[in-house]
Amino acid sequence: METIGIQELKDRTEAVINALRGKNKEVVITSAGEVVAVMRGITKRDAAKLRKEKIKEFFALSDRLSKEIGKARKEDISAVELIREQRR
């Protein structure tokens, strides 16, 4: 596993990222000789999985919010009208 100092990372950020791109490889980041972070590349498959997880999270949040709006909904008032009320 490669180790790189913060200053070198600042100087070579693009090269380090390009070296990690599409690979399941890690680079340890140090500051004053102390390990402070690990930078890891991800494969295309991992990136696709991450996107799917984020999409699932988005729709779960959307469903939860629509249920909350439904509970708060007054008779004969649409969700659009409820949102308009909140903006006043």
PDB file of N, CA and C in Angstrom:
ATOM      1  N   MET A   1       0.858  -1.176   0.000  1.00  0.00           N
ATOM      2  CA  MET A   1       0.000   0.000   0.000  1.00  0.00           C
ATOM      3  C   MET A   1       0.904   1.239   0.000  1.00  0.00           C
ATOM      4  N   GLU A   2       0.605   2.151  -0.893  1.00  0.00           N
ATOM      5  CA  GLU A   2       1.397   3.382  -1.016  1.00  0.00           C
ATOM      6  C   GLU A   2       1.040   4.352   0.101  1.00  0.00           C
ATOM      7  N   THR A   3       2.037   5.075   0.581  1.00  0.00           N
ATOM      8  CA  THR A   3       1.836   6.128   1.579  1.00  0.00           C
ATOM      9  C   THR A   3       2.276   7.444   0.962  1.00  0.00           C
ATOM     10  N   ILE A   4       1.487   8.485   1.204  1.00  0.00           N
ATOM     11  CA  ILE A   4       1.791   9.787   0.623  1.00  0.00           C
ATOM     12  C   ILE A   4       1.475  10.868   1.654  1.00  0.00           C
ATOM     13  N   GLY A   5       2.352  11.866   1.740  1.00  0.00           N
ATOM     14  CA  GLY A   5       2.119  12.992   2.641  1.00  0.00           C
ATOM     15  C   GLY A   5       1.115  13.964   2.056  1.00  0.00           C
ATOM     16  N   ILE A   6       0.537  14.767   2.930  1.00  0.00           N
ATOM     17  CA  ILE A   6      -0.483  15.725   2.487  1.00  0.00           C
ATOM     18  C   ILE A   6       0.066  16.688   1.440  1.00  0.00           C
ATOM     19  N   GLN A   7       1.262  17.202   1.664  1.00  0.00           N
ATOM     20  CA  GLN A   7       1.818  18.159   0.708  1.00  0.00           C
ATOM     21  C   GLN A   7       2.008  17.510  -0.661  1.00  0.00           C
ATOM     22  N   GLU A   8       2.520  16.279  -0.675  1.00  0.00           N
ATOM     23  CA  GLU A   8       2.689  15.581  -1.954  1.00  0.00           C
ATOM     24  C   GLU A   8       1.334  15.330  -2.599  1.00  0.00           C
ATOM     25  N   LEU A   9       0.335  14.994  -1.790  1.00  0.00           N
ATOM     26  CA  LEU A   9      -1.015  14.793  -2.327  1.00  0.00           C
ATOM     27  C   LEU A   9      -1.531  16.085  -2.957  1.00  0.00           C
ATOM     28  N   LYS A  10      -1.301  17.216  -2.292  1.00  0.00           N
ATOM     29  CA  LYS A  10      -1.714  18.509  -2.862  1.00  0.00           C
ATOM     30  C   LYS A  10      -1.048  18.735  -4.216  1.00  0.00           C
ATOM     31  N   ASP A  11       0.241  18.409  -4.280  1.00  0.00           N
ATOM     32  CA  ASP A  11       0.996  18.634  -5.513  1.00  0.00           C
ATOM     33  C   ASP A  11       0.614  17.665  -6.629  1.00  0.00           C
ATOM     34  N   ARG A  12       0.189  16.453  -6.257  1.00  0.00           N
ATOM     35  CA  ARG A  12      -0.039  15.397  -7.252  1.00  0.00           C
ATOM     36  C   ARG A  12      -1.460  14.832  -7.204  1.00  0.00           C
ATOM     37  N   THR A  13      -2.417  15.614  -6.785  1.00  0.00           N
ATOM     38  CA  THR A  13      -3.787  15.117  -6.602  1.00  0.00           C
ATOM     39  C   THR A  13      -4.313  14.405  -7.837  1.00  0.00           C
ATOM     40  N   GLU A  14      -4.217  15.038  -8.984  1.00  0.00           N
ATOM     41  CA  GLU A  14      -4.761  14.441 -10.204  1.00  0.00           C
ATOM     42  C   GLU A  14      -4.074  13.108 -10.529  1.00  0.00           C
ATOM     43  N   ALA A  15      -2.768  13.043 -10.375  1.00  0.00           N
ATOM     44  CA  ALA A  15      -2.034  11.802 -10.664  1.00  0.00           C
ATOM     45  C   ALA A  15      -2.425  10.693  -9.704  1.00  0.00           C
ATOM     46  N   VAL A  16      -2.596  11.034  -8.422  1.00  0.00           N
ATOM     47  CA  VAL A  16      -2.988  10.024  -7.427  1.00  0.00           C
ATOM     48  C   VAL A  16      -4.388   9.504  -7.749  1.00  0.00           C
ATOM     49  N   ILE A  17      -5.305  10.399  -8.054  1.00  0.00           N
ATOM     50  CA  ILE A  17      -6.671   9.982  -8.385  1.00  0.00           C
ATOM     51  C   ILE A  17      -6.677   9.123  -9.643  1.00  0.00           C
ATOM     52  N   ASN A  18      -5.922   9.503 -10.634  1.00  0.00           N
ATOM     53  CA  ASN A  18      -5.847   8.704 -11.862  1.00  0.00           C
ATOM     54  C   ASN A  18      -5.277   7.314 -11.584  1.00  0.00           C
ATOM     55  N   ALA A  19      -4.320   7.213 -10.662  1.00  0.00           N
ATOM     56  CA  ALA A  19      -3.737   5.911 -10.318  1.00  0.00           C
ATOM     57  C   ALA A  19      -4.752   5.017  -9.600  1.00  0.00           C
ATOM     58  N   LEU A  20      -5.692   5.632  -8.881  1.00  0.00           N
ATOM     59  CA  LEU A  20      -6.703   4.868  -8.144  1.00  0.00           C
ATOM     60  C   LEU A  20      -7.932   4.557  -8.986  1.00  0.00           C
ATOM     61  N   ARG A  21      -8.181   5.359 -10.003  1.00  0.00           N
ATOM     62  CA  ARG A  21      -9.410   5.262 -10.800  1.00  0.00           C
ATOM     63  C   ARG A  21      -9.640   3.845 -11.324  1.00  0.00           C
ATOM     64  N   GLY A  22     -10.804   3.298 -10.988  1.00  0.00           N
ATOM     65  CA  GLY A  22     -11.207   1.992 -11.501  1.00  0.00           C
ATOM     66  C   GLY A  22     -10.498   0.817 -10.855  1.00  0.00           C
ATOM     67  N   LYS A  23      -9.725   1.086  -9.813  1.00  0.00           N
ATOM     68  CA  LYS A  23      -8.982   0.010  -9.158  1.00  0.00           C
ATOM     69  C   LYS A  23      -9.370  -0.066  -7.692  1.00  0.00           C
ATOM     70  N   ASN A  24      -9.317  -1.249  -7.158  1.00  0.00           N
ATOM     71  CA  ASN A  24      -9.574  -1.462  -5.741  1.00  0.00           C
ATOM     72  C   ASN A  24      -8.231  -1.368  -5.012  1.00  0.00           C
ATOM     73  N   LYS A  25      -7.657  -0.157  -5.023  1.00  0.00           N
ATOM     74  CA  LYS A  25      -6.335   0.095  -4.491  1.00  0.00           C
ATOM     75  C   LYS A  25      -6.442   1.225  -3.466  1.00  0.00           C
ATOM     76  N   GLU A  26      -5.559   1.226  -2.460  1.00  0.00           N
ATOM     77  CA  GLU A  26      -5.603   2.253  -1.423  1.00  0.00           C
ATOM     78  C   GLU A  26      -4.288   3.015  -1.341  1.00  0.00           C
ATOM     79  N   VAL A  27      -4.395   4.282  -0.948  1.00  0.00           N
ATOM     80  CA  VAL A  27      -3.232   5.114  -0.666  1.00  0.00           C
ATOM     81  C   VAL A  27      -3.439   5.686   0.732  1.00  0.00           C
ATOM     82  N   VAL A  28      -2.442   5.521   1.593  1.00  0.00           N
ATOM     83  CA  VAL A  28      -2.509   6.047   2.953  1.00  0.00           C
ATOM     84  C   VAL A  28      -2.002   7.486   2.931  1.00  0.00           C
ATOM     85  N   ILE A  29      -2.764   8.394   3.557  1.00  0.00           N
ATOM     86  CA  ILE A  29      -2.407   9.808   3.599  1.00  0.00           C
ATOM     87  C   ILE A  29      -1.858  10.112   4.993  1.00  0.00           C
ATOM     88  N   THR A  30      -0.696  10.781   5.041  1.00  0.00           N
ATOM     89  CA  THR A  30      -0.086  11.113   6.329  1.00  0.00           C
ATOM     90  C   THR A  30       0.102  12.616   6.464  1.00  0.00           C
ATOM     91  N   SER A  31       0.160  13.051   7.713  1.00  0.00           N
ATOM     92  CA  SER A  31       0.465  14.436   8.043  1.00  0.00           C
ATOM     93  C   SER A  31       1.481  14.398   9.175  1.00  0.00           C
ATOM     94  N   ALA A  32       2.635  14.976   8.932  1.00  0.00           N
ATOM     95  CA  ALA A  32       3.728  14.954   9.915  1.00  0.00           C
ATOM     96  C   ALA A  32       4.038  13.525  10.354  1.00  0.00           C
ATOM     97  N   GLY A  33       3.971  12.598   9.406  1.00  0.00           N
ATOM     98  CA  GLY A  33       4.284  11.203   9.681  1.00  0.00           C
ATOM     99  C   GLY A  33       3.170  10.394  10.322  1.00  0.00           C
ATOM    100  N   GLU A  34       2.058  11.025  10.634  1.00  0.00           N
ATOM    101  CA  GLU A  34       0.916  10.343  11.269  1.00  0.00           C
ATOM    102  C   GLU A  34      -0.152  10.037  10.221  1.00  0.00           C
ATOM    103  N   VAL A  35      -0.660   8.828  10.240  1.00  0.00           N
ATOM    104  CA  VAL A  35      -1.724   8.444   9.305  1.00  0.00           C
ATOM    105  C   VAL A  35      -2.993   9.208   9.667  1.00  0.00           C
ATOM    106  N   VAL A  36      -3.558   9.894   8.664  1.00  0.00           N
ATOM    107  CA  VAL A  36      -4.771  10.686   8.900  1.00  0.00           C
ATOM    108  C   VAL A  36      -5.948  10.254   8.038  1.00  0.00           C
ATOM    109  N   ALA A  37      -5.672   9.527   6.955  1.00  0.00           N
ATOM    110  CA  ALA A  37      -6.769   9.119   6.066  1.00  0.00           C
ATOM    111  C   ALA A  37      -6.288   8.025   5.126  1.00  0.00           C
ATOM    112  N   VAL A  38      -7.276   7.379   4.511  1.00  0.00           N
ATOM    113  CA  VAL A  38      -7.007   6.399   3.465  1.00  0.00           C
ATOM    114  C   VAL A  38      -7.873   6.779   2.279  1.00  0.00           C
ATOM    115  N   MET A  39      -7.259   6.873   1.117  1.00  0.00           N
ATOM    116  CA  MET A  39      -7.978   7.172  -0.115  1.00  0.00           C
ATOM    117  C   MET A  39      -8.051   5.874  -0.905  1.00  0.00           C
ATOM    118  N   ARG A  40      -9.267   5.498  -1.327  1.00  0.00           N
ATOM    119  CA  ARG A  40      -9.428   4.220  -2.020  1.00  0.00           C
ATOM    120  C   ARG A  40     -10.161   4.427  -3.328  1.00  0.00           C
ATOM    121  N   GLY A  41      -9.646   3.820  -4.366  1.00  0.00           N
ATOM    122  CA  GLY A  41     -10.337   3.818  -5.645  1.00  0.00           C
ATOM    123  C   GLY A  41     -11.457   2.794  -5.615  1.00  0.00           C
ATOM    124  N   ILE A  42     -12.405   2.947  -6.507  1.00  0.00           N
ATOM    125  CA  ILE A  42     -13.478   1.962  -6.598  1.00  0.00           C
ATOM    126  C   ILE A  42     -13.604   1.483  -8.036  1.00  0.00           C
ATOM    127  N   THR A  43     -14.042   0.255  -8.156  1.00  0.00           N
ATOM    128  CA  THR A  43     -14.239  -0.324  -9.479  1.00  0.00           C
ATOM    129  C   THR A  43     -15.556   0.189 -10.062  1.00  0.00           C
ATOM    130  N   LYS A  44     -15.750  -0.021 -11.346  1.00  0.00           N
ATOM    131  CA  LYS A  44     -17.007   0.394 -11.985  1.00  0.00           C
ATOM    132  C   LYS A  44     -18.189  -0.312 -11.332  1.00  0.00           C
ATOM    133  N   ARG A  45     -18.001  -1.567 -10.965  1.00  0.00           N
ATOM    134  CA  ARG A  45     -19.082  -2.322 -10.318  1.00  0.00           C
ATOM    135  C   ARG A  45     -19.433  -1.702  -8.963  1.00  0.00           C
ATOM    136  N   ASP A  46     -18.400  -1.336  -8.184  1.00  0.00           N
ATOM    137  CA  ASP A  46     -18.639  -0.694  -6.887  1.00  0.00           C
ATOM    138  C   ASP A  46     -19.346   0.652  -7.066  1.00  0.00           C
ATOM    139  N   ALA A  47     -18.939   1.415  -8.083  1.00  0.00           N
ATOM    140  CA  ALA A  47     -19.563   2.712  -8.347  1.00  0.00           C
ATOM    141  C   ALA A  47     -21.038   2.539  -8.705  1.00  0.00           C
ATOM    142  N   ALA A  48     -21.339   1.535  -9.518  1.00  0.00           N
ATOM    143  CA  ALA A  48     -22.734   1.264  -9.901  1.00  0.00           C
ATOM    144  C   ALA A  48     -23.551   0.868  -8.679  1.00  0.00           C
ATOM    145  N   LYS A  49     -22.964   0.048  -7.815  1.00  0.00           N
ATOM    146  CA  LYS A  49     -23.647  -0.382  -6.584  1.00  0.00           C
ATOM    147  C   LYS A  49     -23.922   0.823  -5.684  1.00  0.00           C
ATOM    148  N   LEU A  50     -22.946   1.714  -5.573  1.00  0.00           N
ATOM    149  CA  LEU A  50     -23.109   2.914  -4.763  1.00  0.00           C
ATOM    150  C   LEU A  50     -24.230   3.789  -5.314  1.00  0.00           C
ATOM    151  N   ARG A  51     -24.278   3.963  -6.643  1.00  0.00           N
ATOM    152  CA  ARG A  51     -25.351   4.754  -7.259  1.00  0.00           C
ATOM    153  C   ARG A  51     -26.712   4.134  -6.969  1.00  0.00           C
ATOM    154  N   LYS A  52     -26.815   2.806  -7.066  1.00  0.00           N
ATOM    155  CA  LYS A  52     -28.090   2.139  -6.784  1.00  0.00           C
ATOM    156  C   LYS A  52     -28.509   2.349  -5.335  1.00  0.00           C
ATOM    157  N   GLU A  53     -27.547   2.291  -4.416  1.00  0.00           N
ATOM    158  CA  GLU A  53     -27.857   2.514  -3.004  1.00  0.00           C
ATOM    159  C   GLU A  53     -28.356   3.928  -2.764  1.00  0.00           C
ATOM    160  N   LYS A  54     -27.716   4.905  -3.420  1.00  0.00           N
ATOM    161  CA  LYS A  54     -28.129   6.302  -3.269  1.00  0.00           C
ATOM    162  C   LYS A  54     -29.538   6.518  -3.841  1.00  0.00           C
ATOM    163  N   ILE A  55     -29.838   5.862  -4.952  1.00  0.00           N
ATOM    164  CA  ILE A  55     -31.172   5.966  -5.540  1.00  0.00           C
ATOM    165  C   ILE A  55     -32.206   5.361  -4.595  1.00  0.00           C
ATOM    166  N   LYS A  56     -31.889   4.208  -3.998  1.00  0.00           N
ATOM    167  CA  LYS A  56     -32.801   3.584  -3.029  1.00  0.00           C
ATOM    168  C   LYS A  56     -33.047   4.512  -1.844  1.00  0.00           C
ATOM    169  N   GLU A  57     -31.973   5.132  -1.342  1.00  0.00           N
ATOM    170  CA  GLU A  57     -32.104   6.063  -0.218  1.00  0.00           C
ATOM    171  C   GLU A  57     -33.003   7.236  -0.592  1.00  0.00           C
ATOM    172  N   PHE A  58     -32.824   7.757  -1.801  1.00  0.00           N
ATOM    173  CA  PHE A  58     -33.637   8.879  -2.256  1.00  0.00           C
ATOM    174  C   PHE A  58     -35.119   8.508  -2.275  1.00  0.00           C
ATOM    175  N   PHE A  59     -35.448   7.342  -2.849  1.00  0.00           N
ATOM    176  CA  PHE A  59     -36.848   6.955  -2.935  1.00  0.00           C
ATOM    177  C   PHE A  59     -37.426   6.609  -1.567  1.00  0.00           C
ATOM    178  N   ALA A  60     -36.614   6.072  -0.671  1.00  0.00           N
ATOM    179  CA  ALA A  60     -37.088   5.804   0.687  1.00  0.00           C
ATOM    180  C   ALA A  60     -37.432   7.126   1.384  1.00  0.00           C
ATOM    181  N   LEU A  61     -36.581   8.123   1.227  1.00  0.00           N
ATOM    182  CA  LEU A  61     -36.849   9.436   1.801  1.00  0.00           C
ATOM    183  C   LEU A  61     -38.093  10.047   1.173  1.00  0.00           C
ATOM    184  N   SER A  62     -38.213   9.941  -0.133  1.00  0.00           N
ATOM    185  CA  SER A  62     -39.372  10.475  -0.839  1.00  0.00           C
ATOM    186  C   SER A  62     -40.662   9.824  -0.333  1.00  0.00           C
ATOM    187  N   ASP A  63     -40.637   8.499  -0.169  1.00  0.00           N
ATOM    188  CA  ASP A  63     -41.816   7.793   0.346  1.00  0.00           C
ATOM    189  C   ASP A  63     -42.161   8.250   1.764  1.00  0.00           C
ATOM    190  N   ARG A  64     -41.133   8.392   2.594  1.00  0.00           N
ATOM    191  CA  ARG A  64     -41.366   8.812   3.980  1.00  0.00           C
ATOM    192  C   ARG A  64     -41.967  10.216   4.023  1.00  0.00           C
ATOM    193  N   LEU A  65     -41.441  11.110   3.189  1.00  0.00           N
ATOM    194  CA  LEU A  65     -41.967  12.473   3.165  1.00  0.00           C
ATOM    195  C   LEU A  65     -43.398  12.518   2.640  1.00  0.00           C
ATOM    196  N   SER A  66     -43.696  11.714   1.633  1.00  0.00           N
ATOM    197  CA  SER A  66     -45.068  11.719   1.101  1.00  0.00           C
ATOM    198  C   SER A  66     -46.051  11.194   2.146  1.00  0.00           C
ATOM    199  N   LYS A  67     -45.626  10.231   2.960  1.00  0.00           N
ATOM    200  CA  LYS A  67     -46.488   9.733   4.037  1.00  0.00           C
ATOM    201  C   LYS A  67     -46.721  10.808   5.086  1.00  0.00           C
ATOM    202  N   GLU A  68     -45.657  11.570   5.421  1.00  0.00           N
ATOM    203  CA  GLU A  68     -45.805  12.660   6.382  1.00  0.00           C
ATOM    204  C   GLU A  68     -46.765  13.722   5.846  1.00  0.00           C
ATOM    205  N   ILE A  69     -46.623  14.054   4.585  1.00  0.00           N
ATOM    206  CA  ILE A  69     -47.520  15.036   3.973  1.00  0.00           C
ATOM    207  C   ILE A  69     -48.947  14.507   3.991  1.00  0.00           C
ATOM    208  N   GLY A  70     -49.106  13.228   3.691  1.00  0.00           N
ATOM    209  CA  GLY A  70     -50.437  12.624   3.703  1.00  0.00           C
ATOM    210  C   GLY A  70     -51.088  12.687   5.069  1.00  0.00           C
ATOM    211  N   LYS A  71     -50.302  12.468   6.128  1.00  0.00           N
ATOM    212  CA  LYS A  71     -50.837  12.532   7.491  1.00  0.00           C
ATOM    213  C   LYS A  71     -51.266  13.949   7.856  1.00  0.00           C
ATOM    214  N   ALA A  72     -50.506  14.923   7.373  1.00  0.00           N
ATOM    215  CA  ALA A  72     -50.788  16.315   7.717  1.00  0.00           C
ATOM    216  C   ALA A  72     -51.830  16.947   6.803  1.00  0.00           C
ATOM    217  N   ARG A  73     -52.202  16.232   5.796  1.00  0.00           N
ATOM    218  CA  ARG A  73     -53.107  16.781   4.780  1.00  0.00           C
ATOM    219  C   ARG A  73     -54.484  17.086   5.359  1.00  0.00           C
ATOM    220  N   LYS A  74     -54.945  18.268   5.062  1.00  0.00           N
ATOM    221  CA  LYS A  74     -56.283  18.678   5.486  1.00  0.00           C
ATOM    222  C   LYS A  74     -57.273  18.248   4.409  1.00  0.00           C
ATOM    223  N   GLU A  75     -58.535  18.176   4.774  1.00  0.00           N
ATOM    224  CA  GLU A  75     -59.554  17.791   3.807  1.00  0.00           C
ATOM    225  C   GLU A  75     -59.600  18.775   2.638  1.00  0.00           C
ATOM    226  N   ASP A  76     -59.748  18.244   1.452  1.00  0.00           N
ATOM    227  CA  ASP A  76     -59.929  19.030   0.235  1.00  0.00           C
ATOM    228  C   ASP A  76     -58.764  19.984  -0.079  1.00  0.00           C
ATOM    229  N   ILE A  77     -57.578  19.721   0.466  1.00  0.00           N
ATOM    230  CA  ILE A  77     -56.409  20.544   0.148  1.00  0.00           C
ATOM    231  C   ILE A  77     -55.354  19.620  -0.468  1.00  0.00           C
ATOM    232  N   SER A  78     -54.875  20.017  -1.620  1.00  0.00           N
ATOM    233  CA  SER A  78     -53.875  19.187  -2.297  1.00  0.00           C
ATOM    234  C   SER A  78     -52.500  19.367  -1.658  1.00  0.00           C
ATOM    235  N   ALA A  79     -51.596  18.459  -1.965  1.00  0.00           N
ATOM    236  CA  ALA A  79     -50.226  18.552  -1.464  1.00  0.00           C
ATOM    237  C   ALA A  79     -49.575  19.849  -1.943  1.00  0.00           C
ATOM    238  N   VAL A  80     -49.881  20.258  -3.162  1.00  0.00           N
ATOM    239  CA  VAL A  80     -49.333  21.511  -3.697  1.00  0.00           C
ATOM    240  C   VAL A  80     -49.790  22.681  -2.847  1.00  0.00           C
ATOM    241  N   GLU A  81     -51.070  22.697  -2.484  1.00  0.00           N
ATOM    242  CA  GLU A  81     -51.593  23.782  -1.655  1.00  0.00           C
ATOM    243  C   GLU A  81     -50.965  23.769  -0.265  1.00  0.00           C
ATOM    244  N   LEU A  82     -50.711  22.582   0.279  1.00  0.00           N
ATOM    245  CA  LEU A  82     -50.039  22.488   1.578  1.00  0.00           C
ATOM    246  C   LEU A  82     -48.643  23.088   1.515  1.00  0.00           C
ATOM    247  N   ILE A  83     -47.940  22.807   0.443  1.00  0.00           N
ATOM    248  CA  ILE A  83     -46.588  23.358   0.282  1.00  0.00           C
ATOM    249  C   ILE A  83     -46.655  24.879   0.141  1.00  0.00           C
ATOM    250  N   ARG A  84     -47.617  25.347  -0.618  1.00  0.00           N
ATOM    251  CA  ARG A  84     -47.786  26.800  -0.764  1.00  0.00           C
ATOM    252  C   ARG A  84     -48.035  27.453   0.592  1.00  0.00           C
ATOM    253  N   GLU A  85     -48.840  26.791   1.449  1.00  0.00           N
ATOM    254  CA  GLU A  85     -49.108  27.318   2.786  1.00  0.00           C
ATOM    255  C   GLU A  85     -47.825  27.448   3.592  1.00  0.00           C
ATOM    256  N   GLN A  86     -46.959  26.474   3.456  1.00  0.00           N
ATOM    257  CA  GLN A  86     -45.695  26.479   4.194  1.00  0.00           C
ATOM    258  C   GLN A  86     -44.787  27.625   3.762  1.00  0.00           C
ATOM    259  N   ARG A  87     -44.905  28.055   2.531  1.00  0.00           N
ATOM    260  CA  ARG A  87     -44.040  29.111   1.999  1.00  0.00           C
ATOM    261  C   ARG A  87     -44.502  30.501   2.429  1.00  0.00           C
ATOM    262  N   ARG A  88     -45.703  30.604   2.931  1.00  0.00           N
ATOM    263  CA  ARG A  88     -46.240  31.930   3.329  1.00  0.00           C
ATOM    264  C   ARG A  88     -45.671  32.360   4.645  1.00  0.00           C
TER     265      ARG A  88
END
